[in-house]
Amino acid sequence: MAQNNSNKNGLIAALVVISVALGGYVIYQQQTKPDLSISVSEDGIDVDTN
């Protein structure tokens, strides 16, 4: 019984680590996206990459 409980705790710990790593990766990807601004005026279309 103790072995089964140990395996379950290890699996839960591994899933938590994977979830935290994936969340950190998603946040990092969102922060590193280049900003893009497109505006249309009488002078034409202006594309500004920040």
Foldseek 3Di string as FASTA:
>chain_A
DVVVVVVVVVVVVVVVVVVVVVVVVVVVVVVPDWDWDWDQDPVGIDIDTD
